[in-house]
Amino acid sequence: MRDIRSKVDKLVRHYKTRDPFEMIKGMNVILIRYPLVGVRGFYQYFKRNNIIYIRRAMPSSWIPGPA
């Protein structure tokens, strides 16, 4: 548990935010909203690209930007 907290604290210090979407931008990760069924989201590493898929139907208050 301490190891996770220390890694999170290190990321927060590096990106100067606790907002995961701001961190994603800084990490150069591709964020895709897609109408997923049965899951809220998942991570994929494809052709040297880090991609996060999140369910499009999530409440807009959870996700910044246009829906």
C-alpha atoms as a PDB file:
ATOM      1  CA  MET A   1       0.000   0.000   0.000  1.00  0.00           C
ATOM      2  CA  ARG A   2       2.810   2.425   0.808  1.00  0.00           C
ATOM      3  CA  ASP A   3       4.436   1.642  -2.529  1.00  0.00           C
ATOM      4  CA  ILE A   4       1.281   2.661  -4.405  1.00  0.00           C
ATOM      5  CA  ARG A   5       0.935   5.847  -2.384  1.00  0.00           C
ATOM      6  CA  SER A   6       4.541   6.812  -3.003  1.00  0.00           C
ATOM      7  CA  LYS A   7       4.144   6.242  -6.754  1.00  0.00           C
ATOM      8  CA  VAL A   8       0.953   8.305  -6.819  1.00  0.00           C
ATOM      9  CA  ASP A   9       2.608  11.095  -4.833  1.00  0.00           C
ATOM     10  CA  LYS A  10       5.517  11.076  -7.271  1.00  0.00           C
ATOM     11  CA  LEU A  11       3.132  11.390 -10.245  1.00  0.00           C
ATOM     12  CA  VAL A  12       1.243  14.220  -8.537  1.00  0.00           C
ATOM     13  CA  ARG A  13       4.470  16.113  -7.918  1.00  0.00           C
ATOM     14  CA  HIS A  14       5.654  15.568 -11.489  1.00  0.00           C
ATOM     15  CA  TYR A  15       2.415  16.605 -13.235  1.00  0.00           C
ATOM     16  CA  LYS A  16       1.402  19.140 -10.538  1.00  0.00           C
ATOM     17  CA  THR A  17      -2.190  17.882 -10.506  1.00  0.00           C
ATOM     18  CA  ARG A  18      -4.354  15.114  -9.091  1.00  0.00           C
ATOM     19  CA  ASP A  19      -6.686  15.210 -12.092  1.00  0.00           C
ATOM     20  CA  PRO A  20      -6.188  11.912 -13.979  1.00  0.00           C
ATOM     21  CA  PHE A  21      -7.258  13.496 -17.294  1.00  0.00           C
ATOM     22  CA  GLU A  22      -4.594  16.191 -16.965  1.00  0.00           C
ATOM     23  CA  MET A  23      -2.031  13.482 -16.197  1.00  0.00           C
ATOM     24  CA  ILE A  24      -3.116  11.560 -19.300  1.00  0.00           C
ATOM     25  CA  LYS A  25      -2.427  14.629 -21.431  1.00  0.00           C
ATOM     26  CA  GLY A  26       1.023  15.002 -19.888  1.00  0.00           C
ATOM     27  CA  MET A  27       1.838  11.328 -20.407  1.00  0.00           C
ATOM     28  CA  ASN A  28       0.936  11.501 -24.102  1.00  0.00           C
ATOM     29  CA  VAL A  29      -1.698   8.784 -23.712  1.00  0.00           C
ATOM     30  CA  ILE A  30      -4.533   8.539 -26.233  1.00  0.00           C
ATOM     31  CA  LEU A  31      -7.976   8.801 -24.624  1.00  0.00           C
ATOM     32  CA  ILE A  32     -10.907   7.381 -26.601  1.00  0.00           C
ATOM     33  CA  ARG A  33     -14.565   7.512 -25.620  1.00  0.00           C
ATOM     34  CA  TYR A  34     -16.446   4.545 -27.024  1.00  0.00           C
ATOM     35  CA  PRO A  35     -19.902   3.009 -26.382  1.00  0.00           C
ATOM     36  CA  LEU A  36     -18.583   0.098 -24.310  1.00  0.00           C
ATOM     37  CA  VAL A  37     -20.924  -2.573 -22.947  1.00  0.00           C
ATOM     38  CA  GLY A  38     -20.283  -4.310 -19.637  1.00  0.00           C
ATOM     39  CA  VAL A  39     -17.145  -2.339 -18.704  1.00  0.00           C
ATOM     40  CA  ARG A  40     -16.417   1.262 -17.787  1.00  0.00           C
ATOM     41  CA  GLY A  41     -13.119   1.286 -19.617  1.00  0.00           C
ATOM     42  CA  PHE A  42      -9.845  -0.469 -20.302  1.00  0.00           C
ATOM     43  CA  TYR A  43      -6.197   0.141 -21.219  1.00  0.00           C
ATOM     44  CA  GLN A  44      -4.461  -1.063 -24.372  1.00  0.00           C
ATOM     45  CA  TYR A  45      -0.869  -0.927 -25.557  1.00  0.00           C
ATOM     46  CA  PHE A  46      -0.883  -1.157 -29.360  1.00  0.00           C
ATOM     47  CA  LYS A  47       1.976  -0.457 -31.758  1.00  0.00           C
ATOM     48  CA  ARG A  48       3.928   1.535 -29.162  1.00  0.00           C
ATOM     49  CA  ASN A  49       0.858   3.626 -28.279  1.00  0.00           C
ATOM     50  CA  ASN A  50      -0.779   3.771 -24.859  1.00  0.00           C
ATOM     51  CA  ILE A  51      -4.552   3.968 -25.280  1.00  0.00           C
ATOM     52  CA  ILE A  52      -7.295   4.309 -22.671  1.00  0.00           C
ATOM     53  CA  TYR A  53     -10.881   3.565 -23.701  1.00  0.00           C
ATOM     54  CA  ILE A  54     -13.696   4.847 -21.501  1.00  0.00           C
ATOM     55  CA  ARG A  55     -17.419   4.318 -21.812  1.00  0.00           C
ATOM     56  CA  ARG A  56     -19.046   7.178 -23.706  1.00  0.00           C
ATOM     57  CA  ALA A  57     -22.250   6.971 -21.623  1.00  0.00           C
ATOM     58  CA  MET A  58     -20.505   8.013 -18.384  1.00  0.00           C
ATOM     59  CA  PRO A  59     -21.905  11.136 -16.717  1.00  0.00           C
ATOM     60  CA  SER A  60     -20.350  14.243 -18.228  1.00  0.00           C
ATOM     61  CA  SER A  61     -19.369  15.453 -14.756  1.00  0.00           C
ATOM     62  CA  TRP A  62     -16.846  12.568 -14.615  1.00  0.00           C
ATOM     63  CA  ILE A  63     -15.206  13.414 -17.931  1.00  0.00           C
ATOM     64  CA  PRO A  64     -13.939  16.825 -19.035  1.00  0.00           C
ATOM     65  CA  GLY A  65     -14.596  18.051 -22.551  1.00  0.00           C
ATOM     66  CA  PRO A  66     -17.415  17.461 -25.049  1.00  0.00           C
ATOM     67  CA  ALA A  67     -19.423  14.241 -24.766  1.00  0.00           C
END
